[in-house]
Amino acid sequence: MGSQCSYTLSITGPGAGFVSDKVIARLRSEYREAEIFLDEVGGSSGNEGPWRSIEDDMLAFSRDHPIFLFRIEEDVDYETTQYALFWFKAGKMVRQEPIMVWPDFDESLLK
């Protein structure tokens, strides 16, 4: 059984009123896996399987478009669900994973 993956892209651009549609269209036209896994507005296309070249693709694309900040949420279901958040800007990247924190014990919640 393969993994179920979804990707969501958001882009922060210069100035108020920035619309990311043209940037997303260019990304999808230049990188095959971006076209496979992202829809026209940066949402998940619903295709299965991992975007194996996500880091290389987005590092190169962000290097060519340094004025934008790219944020990609990755949701992978393979036996367990794994989440990651990628940030790309000007050919640089950081990958973050969520940190689960349990709240302090609250005795008043005991029933």
PDB file of N, CA and C in Angstrom:
ATOM      1  N   MET A   1       0.850  -1.183   0.000  1.00  0.00           N
ATOM      2  CA  MET A   1       0.000   0.000   0.000  1.00  0.00           C
ATOM      3  C   MET A   1       0.890   1.238   0.000  1.00  0.00           C
ATOM      4  N   GLY A   2       0.596   2.196  -0.880  1.00  0.00           N
ATOM      5  CA  GLY A   2       1.383   3.407  -0.969  1.00  0.00           C
ATOM      6  C   GLY A   2       0.969   4.433   0.063  1.00  0.00           C
ATOM      7  N   SER A   3       1.717   5.497   0.108  1.00  0.00           N
ATOM      8  CA  SER A   3       1.402   6.550   1.064  1.00  0.00           C
ATOM      9  C   SER A   3       0.436   7.547   0.438  1.00  0.00           C
ATOM     10  N   GLN A   4      -0.396   8.139   1.267  1.00  0.00           N
ATOM     11  CA  GLN A   4      -1.303   9.203   0.864  1.00  0.00           C
ATOM     12  C   GLN A   4      -0.651  10.516   1.270  1.00  0.00           C
ATOM     13  N   CYS A   5      -0.441  11.390   0.324  1.00  0.00           N
ATOM     14  CA  CYS A   5       0.224  12.660   0.618  1.00  0.00           C
ATOM     15  C   CYS A   5      -0.623  13.810   0.107  1.00  0.00           C
ATOM     16  N   SER A   6      -0.569  14.916   0.820  1.00  0.00           N
ATOM     17  CA  SER A   6      -1.186  16.134   0.320  1.00  0.00           C
ATOM     18  C   SER A   6      -0.260  17.304   0.614  1.00  0.00           C
ATOM     19  N   TYR A   7      -0.308  18.277  -0.261  1.00  0.00           N
ATOM     20  CA  TYR A   7       0.548  19.460  -0.164  1.00  0.00           C
ATOM     21  C   TYR A   7      -0.309  20.699  -0.366  1.00  0.00           C
ATOM     22  N   THR A   8      -0.040  21.728   0.417  1.00  0.00           N
ATOM     23  CA  THR A   8      -0.734  22.998   0.282  1.00  0.00           C
ATOM     24  C   THR A   8       0.307  24.107   0.250  1.00  0.00           C
ATOM     25  N   LEU A   9       0.256  24.918  -0.799  1.00  0.00           N
ATOM     26  CA  LEU A   9       1.223  25.996  -0.998  1.00  0.00           C
ATOM     27  C   LEU A   9       0.558  27.342  -0.756  1.00  0.00           C
ATOM     28  N   SER A  10       1.224  28.194   0.006  1.00  0.00           N
ATOM     29  CA  SER A  10       0.816  29.594   0.100  1.00  0.00           C
ATOM     30  C   SER A  10       2.054  30.440  -0.162  1.00  0.00           C
ATOM     31  N   ILE A  11       1.822  31.598  -0.745  1.00  0.00           N
ATOM     32  CA  ILE A  11       2.925  32.476  -1.146  1.00  0.00           C
ATOM     33  C   ILE A  11       2.665  33.864  -0.594  1.00  0.00           C
ATOM     34  N   THR A  12       3.685  34.424   0.026  1.00  0.00           N
ATOM     35  CA  THR A  12       3.632  35.812   0.461  1.00  0.00           C
ATOM     36  C   THR A  12       4.457  36.618  -0.528  1.00  0.00           C
ATOM     37  N   GLY A  13       3.836  37.638  -1.077  1.00  0.00           N
ATOM     38  CA  GLY A  13       4.519  38.462  -2.068  1.00  0.00           C
ATOM     39  C   GLY A  13       4.572  39.906  -1.635  1.00  0.00           C
ATOM     40  N   PRO A  14       5.244  40.702  -2.442  1.00  0.00           N
ATOM     41  CA  PRO A  14       5.404  42.113  -2.095  1.00  0.00           C
ATOM     42  C   PRO A  14       4.103  42.896  -2.273  1.00  0.00           C
ATOM     43  N   GLY A  15       3.862  43.799  -1.371  1.00  0.00           N
ATOM     44  CA  GLY A  15       2.748  44.727  -1.491  1.00  0.00           C
ATOM     45  C   GLY A  15       1.384  44.142  -1.191  1.00  0.00           C
ATOM     46  N   ALA A  16       0.464  45.020  -0.923  1.00  0.00           N
ATOM     47  CA  ALA A  16      -0.918  44.624  -0.654  1.00  0.00           C
ATOM     48  C   ALA A  16      -1.570  44.189  -1.958  1.00  0.00           C
ATOM     49  N   GLY A  17      -2.483  43.272  -1.858  1.00  0.00           N
ATOM     50  CA  GLY A  17      -3.217  42.831  -3.030  1.00  0.00           C
ATOM     51  C   GLY A  17      -2.474  41.849  -3.909  1.00  0.00           C
ATOM     52  N   PHE A  18      -1.380  41.295  -3.433  1.00  0.00           N
ATOM     53  CA  PHE A  18      -0.621  40.317  -4.220  1.00  0.00           C
ATOM     54  C   PHE A  18      -1.496  39.090  -4.485  1.00  0.00           C
ATOM     55  N   VAL A  19      -1.523  38.632  -5.724  1.00  0.00           N
ATOM     56  CA  VAL A  19      -2.269  37.435  -6.116  1.00  0.00           C
ATOM     57  C   VAL A  19      -1.252  36.402  -6.599  1.00  0.00           C
ATOM     58  N   SER A  20      -1.311  35.210  -6.019  1.00  0.00           N
ATOM     59  CA  SER A  20      -0.274  34.206  -6.269  1.00  0.00           C
ATOM     60  C   SER A  20      -0.544  33.306  -7.471  1.00  0.00           C
ATOM     61  N   ASP A  21      -1.684  33.435  -8.130  1.00  0.00           N
ATOM     62  CA  ASP A  21      -2.066  32.505  -9.201  1.00  0.00           C
ATOM     63  C   ASP A  21      -1.011  32.384 -10.307  1.00  0.00           C
ATOM     64  N   LYS A  22      -0.452  33.498 -10.745  1.00  0.00           N
ATOM     65  CA  LYS A  22       0.537  33.451 -11.838  1.00  0.00           C
ATOM     66  C   LYS A  22       1.829  32.779 -11.391  1.00  0.00           C
ATOM     67  N   VAL A  23       2.217  32.997 -10.149  1.00  0.00           N
ATOM     68  CA  VAL A  23       3.429  32.362  -9.623  1.00  0.00           C
ATOM     69  C   VAL A  23       3.216  30.858  -9.522  1.00  0.00           C
ATOM     70  N   ILE A  24       2.043  30.443  -9.045  1.00  0.00           N
ATOM     71  CA  ILE A  24       1.728  29.016  -8.944  1.00  0.00           C
ATOM     72  C   ILE A  24       1.691  28.389 -10.339  1.00  0.00           C
ATOM     73  N   ALA A  25       1.100  29.069 -11.304  1.00  0.00           N
ATOM     74  CA  ALA A  25       1.050  28.555 -12.678  1.00  0.00           C
ATOM     75  C   ALA A  25       2.457  28.358 -13.235  1.00  0.00           C
ATOM     76  N   ARG A  26       3.343  29.288 -12.949  1.00  0.00           N
ATOM     77  CA  ARG A  26       4.727  29.164 -13.431  1.00  0.00           C
ATOM     78  C   ARG A  26       5.437  27.987 -12.756  1.00  0.00           C
ATOM     79  N   LEU A  27       5.276  27.858 -11.438  1.00  0.00           N
ATOM     80  CA  LEU A  27       5.860  26.729 -10.711  1.00  0.00           C
ATOM     81  C   LEU A  27       5.374  25.410 -11.313  1.00  0.00           C
ATOM     82  N   ARG A  28       4.076  25.288 -11.532  1.00  0.00           N
ATOM     83  CA  ARG A  28       3.502  24.049 -12.070  1.00  0.00           C
ATOM     84  C   ARG A  28       3.980  23.779 -13.491  1.00  0.00           C
ATOM     85  N   SER A  29       4.260  24.824 -14.263  1.00  0.00           N
ATOM     86  CA  SER A  29       4.728  24.617 -15.638  1.00  0.00           C
ATOM     87  C   SER A  29       6.210  24.232 -15.689  1.00  0.00           C
ATOM     88  N   GLU A  30       6.980  24.646 -14.686  1.00  0.00           N
ATOM     89  CA  GLU A  30       8.420  24.371 -14.682  1.00  0.00           C
ATOM     90  C   GLU A  30       8.797  23.077 -13.977  1.00  0.00           C
ATOM     91  N   TYR A  31       7.972  22.612 -13.056  1.00  0.00           N
ATOM     92  CA  TYR A  31       8.325  21.436 -12.248  1.00  0.00           C
ATOM     93  C   TYR A  31       7.189  20.422 -12.303  1.00  0.00           C
ATOM     94  N   ARG A  32       7.479  19.276 -12.907  1.00  0.00           N
ATOM     95  CA  ARG A  32       6.469  18.240 -13.150  1.00  0.00           C
ATOM     96  C   ARG A  32       5.750  17.809 -11.870  1.00  0.00           C
ATOM     97  N   GLU A  33       6.495  17.563 -10.797  1.00  0.00           N
ATOM     98  CA  GLU A  33       5.853  17.097  -9.570  1.00  0.00           C
ATOM     99  C   GLU A  33       4.995  18.188  -8.928  1.00  0.00           C
ATOM    100  N   ALA A  34       5.369  19.442  -9.091  1.00  0.00           N
ATOM    101  CA  ALA A  34       4.512  20.527  -8.598  1.00  0.00           C
ATOM    102  C   ALA A  34       3.174  20.497  -9.331  1.00  0.00           C
ATOM    103  N   GLU A  35       3.208  20.219 -10.622  1.00  0.00           N
ATOM    104  CA  GLU A  35       1.966  20.126 -11.392  1.00  0.00           C
ATOM    105  C   GLU A  35       1.133  18.922 -10.947  1.00  0.00           C
ATOM    106  N   ILE A  36       1.795  17.836 -10.591  1.00  0.00           N
ATOM    107  CA  ILE A  36       1.094  16.626 -10.170  1.00  0.00           C
ATOM    108  C   ILE A  36       0.417  16.817  -8.811  1.00  0.00           C
ATOM    109  N   PHE A  37       1.115  17.465  -7.864  1.00  0.00           N
ATOM    110  CA  PHE A  37       0.640  17.484  -6.479  1.00  0.00           C
ATOM    111  C   PHE A  37      -0.065  18.769  -6.054  1.00  0.00           C
ATOM    112  N   LEU A  38       0.026  19.839  -6.855  1.00  0.00           N
ATOM    113  CA  LEU A  38      -0.650  21.090  -6.516  1.00  0.00           C
ATOM    114  C   LEU A  38      -1.702  21.417  -7.561  1.00  0.00           C
ATOM    115  N   ASP A  39      -2.832  21.945  -7.116  1.00  0.00           N
ATOM    116  CA  ASP A  39      -3.821  22.417  -8.079  1.00  0.00           C
ATOM    117  C   ASP A  39      -3.512  23.859  -8.474  1.00  0.00           C
ATOM    118  N   GLU A  40      -4.389  24.465  -9.250  1.00  0.00           N
ATOM    119  CA  GLU A  40      -4.132  25.798  -9.818  1.00  0.00           C
ATOM    120  C   GLU A  40      -4.028  26.915  -8.788  1.00  0.00           C
ATOM    121  N   VAL A  41      -4.571  26.692  -7.578  1.00  0.00           N
ATOM    122  CA  VAL A  41      -4.514  27.735  -6.552  1.00  0.00           C
ATOM    123  C   VAL A  41      -3.587  27.357  -5.391  1.00  0.00           C
ATOM    124  N   GLY A  42      -2.822  26.267  -5.561  1.00  0.00           N
ATOM    125  CA  GLY A  42      -1.862  25.869  -4.531  1.00  0.00           C
ATOM    126  C   GLY A  42      -2.380  24.844  -3.555  1.00  0.00           C
ATOM    127  N   GLY A  43      -3.608  24.379  -3.743  1.00  0.00           N
ATOM    128  CA  GLY A  43      -4.151  23.342  -2.876  1.00  0.00           C
ATOM    129  C   GLY A  43      -3.693  21.968  -3.317  1.00  0.00           C
ATOM    130  N   SER A  44      -4.057  20.985  -2.550  1.00  0.00           N
ATOM    131  CA  SER A  44      -3.705  19.609  -2.882  1.00  0.00           C
ATOM    132  C   SER A  44      -4.515  19.146  -4.086  1.00  0.00           C
ATOM    133  N   SER A  45      -3.849  18.483  -5.023  1.00  0.00           N
ATOM    134  CA  SER A  45      -4.525  17.992  -6.224  1.00  0.00           C
ATOM    135  C   SER A  45      -5.251  16.678  -5.981  1.00  0.00           C
ATOM    136  N   GLY A  46      -4.955  16.019  -4.857  1.00  0.00           N
ATOM    137  CA  GLY A  46      -5.572  14.742  -4.566  1.00  0.00           C
ATOM    138  C   GLY A  46      -4.803  13.544  -5.095  1.00  0.00           C
ATOM    139  N   ASN A  47      -3.688  13.783  -5.770  1.00  0.00           N
ATOM    140  CA  ASN A  47      -2.868  12.678  -6.262  1.00  0.00           C
ATOM    141  C   ASN A  47      -2.120  12.019  -5.118  1.00  0.00           C
ATOM    142  N   GLU A  48      -1.925  10.711  -5.229  1.00  0.00           N
ATOM    143  CA  GLU A  48      -1.216   9.962  -4.192  1.00  0.00           C
ATOM    144  C   GLU A  48       0.288   9.988  -4.435  1.00  0.00           C
ATOM    145  N   GLY A  49       1.020   9.581  -3.412  1.00  0.00           N
ATOM    146  CA  GLY A  49       2.473   9.459  -3.529  1.00  0.00           C
ATOM    147  C   GLY A  49       3.185  10.708  -3.074  1.00  0.00           C
ATOM    148  N   PRO A  50       4.448  10.581  -2.725  1.00  0.00           N
ATOM    149  CA  PRO A  50       5.210  11.734  -2.228  1.00  0.00           C
ATOM    150  C   PRO A  50       5.803  12.582  -3.349  1.00  0.00           C
ATOM    151  N   TRP A  51       5.919  13.856  -3.085  1.00  0.00           N
ATOM    152  CA  TRP A  51       6.618  14.805  -3.966  1.00  0.00           C
ATOM    153  C   TRP A  51       8.095  14.673  -3.602  1.00  0.00           C
ATOM    154  N   ARG A  52       8.767  13.762  -4.265  1.00  0.00           N
ATOM    155  CA  ARG A  52      10.147  13.392  -3.909  1.00  0.00           C
ATOM    156  C   ARG A  52      11.160  14.512  -4.127  1.00  0.00           C
ATOM    157  N   SER A  53      10.898  15.375  -5.086  1.00  0.00           N
ATOM    158  CA  SER A  53      11.865  16.441  -5.406  1.00  0.00           C
ATOM    159  C   SER A  53      11.451  17.795  -4.829  1.00  0.00           C
ATOM    160  N   ILE A  54      10.607  17.787  -3.803  1.00  0.00           N
ATOM    161  CA  ILE A  54      10.077  19.045  -3.267  1.00  0.00           C
ATOM    162  C   ILE A  54      11.194  20.010  -2.856  1.00  0.00           C
ATOM    163  N   GLU A  55      12.212  19.518  -2.162  1.00  0.00           N
ATOM    164  CA  GLU A  55      13.271  20.415  -1.696  1.00  0.00           C
ATOM    165  C   GLU A  55      14.065  20.981  -2.863  1.00  0.00           C
ATOM    166  N   ASP A  56      14.495  20.128  -3.786  1.00  0.00           N
ATOM    167  CA  ASP A  56      15.263  20.609  -4.938  1.00  0.00           C
ATOM    168  C   ASP A  56      14.442  21.564  -5.802  1.00  0.00           C
ATOM    169  N   ASP A  57      13.185  21.179  -6.080  1.00  0.00           N
ATOM    170  CA  ASP A  57      12.323  22.022  -6.915  1.00  0.00           C
ATOM    171  C   ASP A  57      12.115  23.397  -6.300  1.00  0.00           C
ATOM    172  N   MET A  58      11.745  23.406  -5.030  1.00  0.00           N
ATOM    173  CA  MET A  58      11.404  24.674  -4.398  1.00  0.00           C
ATOM    174  C   MET A  58      12.623  25.531  -4.082  1.00  0.00           C
ATOM    175  N   LEU A  59      13.764  24.902  -3.781  1.00  0.00           N
ATOM    176  CA  LEU A  59      14.990  25.683  -3.598  1.00  0.00           C
ATOM    177  C   LEU A  59      15.345  26.405  -4.894  1.00  0.00           C
ATOM    178  N   ALA A  60      15.290  25.692  -6.012  1.00  0.00           N
ATOM    179  CA  ALA A  60      15.602  26.302  -7.309  1.00  0.00           C
ATOM    180  C   ALA A  60      14.589  27.385  -7.666  1.00  0.00           C
ATOM    181  N   PHE A  61      13.296  27.092  -7.482  1.00  0.00           N
ATOM    182  CA  PHE A  61      12.261  28.061  -7.838  1.00  0.00           C
ATOM    183  C   PHE A  61      12.349  29.309  -6.970  1.00  0.00           C
ATOM    184  N   SER A  62      12.591  29.122  -5.681  1.00  0.00           N
ATOM    185  CA  SER A  62      12.698  30.290  -4.793  1.00  0.00           C
ATOM    186  C   SER A  62      13.956  31.106  -5.087  1.00  0.00           C
ATOM    187  N   ARG A  63      15.005  30.447  -5.544  1.00  0.00           N
ATOM    188  CA  ARG A  63      16.223  31.159  -5.932  1.00  0.00           C
ATOM    189  C   ARG A  63      15.946  32.046  -7.150  1.00  0.00           C
ATOM    190  N   ASP A  64      15.116  31.533  -8.076  1.00  0.00           N
ATOM    191  CA  ASP A  64      14.761  32.296  -9.274  1.00  0.00           C
ATOM    192  C   ASP A  64      13.710  33.374  -9.002  1.00  0.00           C
ATOM    193  N   HIS A  65      13.014  33.276  -7.858  1.00  0.00           N
ATOM    194  CA  HIS A  65      11.953  34.227  -7.499  1.00  0.00           C
ATOM    195  C   HIS A  65      12.153  34.670  -6.042  1.00  0.00           C
ATOM    196  N   PRO A  66      13.245  35.406  -5.775  1.00  0.00           N
ATOM    197  CA  PRO A  66      13.645  35.687  -4.391  1.00  0.00           C
ATOM    198  C   PRO A  66      12.739  36.654  -3.625  1.00  0.00           C
ATOM    199  N   ILE A  67      11.822  37.320  -4.291  1.00  0.00           N
ATOM    200  CA  ILE A  67      10.970  38.282  -3.564  1.00  0.00           C
ATOM    201  C   ILE A  67       9.792  37.608  -2.864  1.00  0.00           C
ATOM    202  N   PHE A  68       9.594  36.313  -3.127  1.00  0.00           N
ATOM    203  CA  PHE A  68       8.464  35.597  -2.546  1.00  0.00           C
ATOM    204  C   PHE A  68       8.889  34.690  -1.402  1.00  0.00           C
ATOM    205  N   LEU A  69       8.004  34.550  -0.440  1.00  0.00           N
ATOM    206  CA  LEU A  69       8.161  33.574   0.634  1.00  0.00           C
ATOM    207  C   LEU A  69       7.160  32.452   0.362  1.00  0.00           C
ATOM    208  N   PHE A  70       7.671  31.231   0.227  1.00  0.00           N
ATOM    209  CA  PHE A  70       6.843  30.067  -0.083  1.00  0.00           C
ATOM    210  C   PHE A  70       6.684  29.214   1.165  1.00  0.00           C
ATOM    211  N   ARG A  71       5.451  28.827   1.432  1.00  0.00           N
ATOM    212  CA  ARG A  71       5.130  27.988   2.592  1.00  0.00           C
ATOM    213  C   ARG A  71       4.367  26.770   2.077  1.00  0.00           C
ATOM    214  N   ILE A  72       4.900  25.575   2.338  1.00  0.00           N
ATOM    215  CA  ILE A  72       4.232  24.352   1.892  1.00  0.00           C
ATOM    216  C   ILE A  72       3.971  23.462   3.093  1.00  0.00           C
ATOM    217  N   GLU A  73       2.707  23.103   3.266  1.00  0.00           N
ATOM    218  CA  GLU A  73       2.323  22.137   4.294  1.00  0.00           C
ATOM    219  C   GLU A  73       2.286  20.758   3.647  1.00  0.00           C
ATOM    220  N   GLU A  74       2.922  19.808   4.290  1.00  0.00           N
ATOM    221  CA  GLU A  74       2.952  18.427   3.808  1.00  0.00           C
ATOM    222  C   GLU A  74       2.251  17.544   4.831  1.00  0.00           C
ATOM    223  N   ASP A  75       1.338  16.732   4.355  1.00  0.00           N
ATOM    224  CA  ASP A  75       0.588  15.798   5.196  1.00  0.00           C
ATOM    225  C   ASP A  75       0.752  14.421   4.569  1.00  0.00           C
ATOM    226  N   VAL A  76       1.448  13.521   5.258  1.00  0.00           N
ATOM    227  CA  VAL A  76       1.736  12.191   4.725  1.00  0.00           C
ATOM    228  C   VAL A  76       1.101  11.139   5.616  1.00  0.00           C
ATOM    229  N   ASP A  77       0.254  10.303   5.038  1.00  0.00           N
ATOM    230  CA  ASP A  77      -0.341   9.165   5.750  1.00  0.00           C
ATOM    231  C   ASP A  77       0.316   7.886   5.261  1.00  0.00           C
ATOM    232  N   TYR A  78       1.141   7.300   6.094  1.00  0.00           N
ATOM    233  CA  TYR A  78       1.751   6.008   5.804  1.00  0.00           C
ATOM    234  C   TYR A  78       1.884   5.290   7.131  1.00  0.00           C
ATOM    235  N   GLU A  79       0.916   4.484   7.438  1.00  0.00           N
ATOM    236  CA  GLU A  79       0.789   3.796   8.719  1.00  0.00           C
ATOM    237  C   GLU A  79       0.467   4.777   9.848  1.00  0.00           C
ATOM    238  N   THR A  80       1.123   5.898   9.930  1.00  0.00           N
ATOM    239  CA  THR A  80       0.783   6.985  10.848  1.00  0.00           C
ATOM    240  C   THR A  80       0.797   8.285  10.046  1.00  0.00           C
ATOM    241  N   THR A  81       0.169   9.295  10.569  1.00  0.00           N
ATOM    242  CA  THR A  81       0.149  10.590   9.885  1.00  0.00           C
ATOM    243  C   THR A  81       1.354  11.412  10.321  1.00  0.00           C
ATOM    244  N   GLN A  82       2.039  11.967   9.347  1.00  0.00           N
ATOM    245  CA  GLN A  82       3.194  12.825   9.611  1.00  0.00           C
ATOM    246  C   GLN A  82       2.951  14.169   8.947  1.00  0.00           C
ATOM    247  N   TYR A  83       3.286  15.220   9.657  1.00  0.00           N
ATOM    248  CA  TYR A  83       3.111  16.563   9.136  1.00  0.00           C
ATOM    249  C   TYR A  83       4.469  17.257   9.070  1.00  0.00           C
ATOM    250  N   ALA A  84       4.630  18.095   8.075  1.00  0.00           N
ATOM    251  CA  ALA A  84       5.831  18.927   7.985  1.00  0.00           C
ATOM    252  C   ALA A  84       5.433  20.253   7.348  1.00  0.00           C
ATOM    253  N   LEU A  85       6.191  21.258   7.670  1.00  0.00           N
ATOM    254  CA  LEU A  85       5.987  22.591   7.118  1.00  0.00           C
ATOM    255  C   LEU A  85       7.319  23.028   6.531  1.00  0.00           C
ATOM    256  N   PHE A  86       7.305  23.382   5.255  1.00  0.00           N
ATOM    257  CA  PHE A  86       8.502  23.859   4.568  1.00  0.00           C
ATOM    258  C   PHE A  86       8.376  25.355   4.309  1.00  0.00           C
ATOM    259  N   TRP A  87       9.467  26.065   4.518  1.00  0.00           N
ATOM    260  CA  TRP A  87       9.554  27.482   4.166  1.00  0.00           C
ATOM    261  C   TRP A  87      10.705  27.636   3.183  1.00  0.00           C
ATOM    262  N   PHE A  88      10.478  28.364   2.084  1.00  0.00           N
ATOM    263  CA  PHE A  88      11.517  28.608   1.083  1.00  0.00           C
ATOM    264  C   PHE A  88      11.557  30.096   0.774  1.00  0.00           C
ATOM    265  N   LYS A  89      12.769  30.647   0.704  1.00  0.00           N
ATOM    266  CA  LYS A  89      12.939  32.047   0.291  1.00  0.00           C
ATOM    267  C   LYS A  89      14.346  32.225  -0.245  1.00  0.00           C
ATOM    268  N   ALA A  90      14.442  32.751  -1.449  1.00  0.00           N
ATOM    269  CA  ALA A  90      15.722  33.127  -2.059  1.00  0.00           C
ATOM    270  C   ALA A  90      16.741  31.978  -2.043  1.00  0.00           C
ATOM    271  N   GLY A  91      16.296  30.780  -2.361  1.00  0.00           N
ATOM    272  CA  GLY A  91      17.206  29.640  -2.427  1.00  0.00           C
ATOM    273  C   GLY A  91      17.592  29.047  -1.092  1.00  0.00           C
ATOM    274  N   LYS A  92      16.857  29.389  -0.048  1.00  0.00           N
ATOM    275  CA  LYS A  92      17.109  28.844   1.288  1.00  0.00           C
ATOM    276  C   LYS A  92      15.837  28.160   1.781  1.00  0.00           C
ATOM    277  N   MET A  93      16.021  27.227   2.730  1.00  0.00           N
ATOM    278  CA  MET A  93      14.892  26.431   3.177  1.00  0.00           C
ATOM    279  C   MET A  93      15.013  26.077   4.645  1.00  0.00           C
ATOM    280  N   VAL A  94      13.846  25.916   5.274  1.00  0.00           N
ATOM    281  CA  VAL A  94      13.779  25.315   6.603  1.00  0.00           C
ATOM    282  C   VAL A  94      12.589  24.360   6.580  1.00  0.00           C
ATOM    283  N   ARG A  95      12.789  23.183   7.171  1.00  0.00           N
ATOM    284  CA  ARG A  95      11.715  22.184   7.302  1.00  0.00           C
ATOM    285  C   ARG A  95      11.411  22.060   8.785  1.00  0.00           C
ATOM    286  N   GLN A  96      10.127  22.204   9.135  1.00  0.00           N
ATOM    287  CA  GLN A  96       9.724  22.122  10.528  1.00  0.00           C
ATOM    288  C   GLN A  96       8.699  21.010  10.697  1.00  0.00           C
ATOM    289  N   GLU A  97       8.758  20.355  11.845  1.00  0.00           N
ATOM    290  CA  GLU A  97       7.760  19.355  12.208  1.00  0.00           C
ATOM    291  C   GLU A  97       7.060  19.832  13.462  1.00  0.00           C
ATOM    292  N   PRO A  98       5.792  19.470  13.620  1.00  0.00           N
ATOM    293  CA  PRO A  98       5.079  19.926  14.813  1.00  0.00           C
ATOM    294  C   PRO A  98       5.660  19.314  16.082  1.00  0.00           C
ATOM    295  N   ILE A  99       5.511  20.040  17.147  1.00  0.00           N
ATOM    296  CA  ILE A  99       5.953  19.577  18.458  1.00  0.00           C
ATOM    297  C   ILE A  99       4.704  19.382  19.309  1.00  0.00           C
ATOM    298  N   MET A 100       4.536  18.178  19.813  1.00  0.00           N
ATOM    299  CA  MET A 100       3.380  17.901  20.654  1.00  0.00           C
ATOM    300  C   MET A 100       3.739  18.212  22.098  1.00  0.00           C
ATOM    301  N   VAL A 101       2.919  19.010  22.724  1.00  0.00           N
ATOM    302  CA  VAL A 101       3.150  19.408  24.108  1.00  0.00           C
ATOM    303  C   VAL A 101       1.903  19.071  24.915  1.00  0.00           C
ATOM    304  N   TRP A 102       2.084  18.302  25.966  1.00  0.00           N
ATOM    305  CA  TRP A 102       0.971  17.997  26.851  1.00  0.00           C
ATOM    306  C   TRP A 102       0.782  19.146  27.837  1.00  0.00           C
ATOM    307  N   PRO A 103      -0.469  19.495  28.130  1.00  0.00           N
ATOM    308  CA  PRO A 103      -0.699  20.565  29.100  1.00  0.00           C
ATOM    309  C   PRO A 103      -0.316  20.096  30.503  1.00  0.00           C
ATOM    310  N   ASP A 104      -0.065  21.045  31.366  1.00  0.00           N
ATOM    311  CA  ASP A 104       0.191  20.719  32.769  1.00  0.00           C
ATOM    312  C   ASP A 104      -1.048  20.062  33.370  1.00  0.00           C
ATOM    313  N   PHE A 105      -0.806  19.229  34.337  1.00  0.00           N
ATOM    314  CA  PHE A 105      -1.913  18.561  34.999  1.00  0.00           C
ATOM    315  C   PHE A 105      -2.789  19.583  35.714  1.00  0.00           C
ATOM    316  N   ASP A 106      -4.113  19.452  35.536  1.00  0.00           N
ATOM    317  CA  ASP A 106      -5.075  20.343  36.173  1.00  0.00           C
ATOM    318  C   ASP A 106      -6.023  19.468  36.997  1.00  0.00           C
ATOM    319  N   GLU A 107      -5.825  19.471  38.308  1.00  0.00           N
ATOM    320  CA  GLU A 107      -6.605  18.598  39.194  1.00  0.00           C
ATOM    321  C   GLU A 107      -8.096  18.886  39.104  1.00  0.00           C
ATOM    322  N   SER A 108      -8.477  20.094  38.769  1.00  0.00           N
ATOM    323  CA  SER A 108      -9.902  20.436  38.709  1.00  0.00           C
ATOM    324  C   SER A 108     -10.627  19.690  37.572  1.00  0.00           C
ATOM    325  N   LEU A 109      -9.889  19.095  36.668  1.00  0.00           N
ATOM    326  CA  LEU A 109     -10.504  18.352  35.566  1.00  0.00           C
ATOM    327  C   LEU A 109     -10.887  16.930  35.955  1.00  0.00           C
ATOM    328  N   LEU A 110     -10.395  16.450  37.116  1.00  0.00           N
ATOM    329  CA  LEU A 110     -10.725  15.104  37.558  1.00  0.00           C
ATOM    330  C   LEU A 110     -12.203  15.011  37.889  1.00  0.00           C
ATOM    331  N   LYS A 111     -12.817  13.895  37.470  1.00  0.00           N
ATOM    332  CA  LYS A 111     -14.267  13.717  37.727  1.00  0.00           C
ATOM    333  C   LYS A 111     -14.498  12.422  38.467  1.00  0.00           C
TER     334      LYS A 111
END
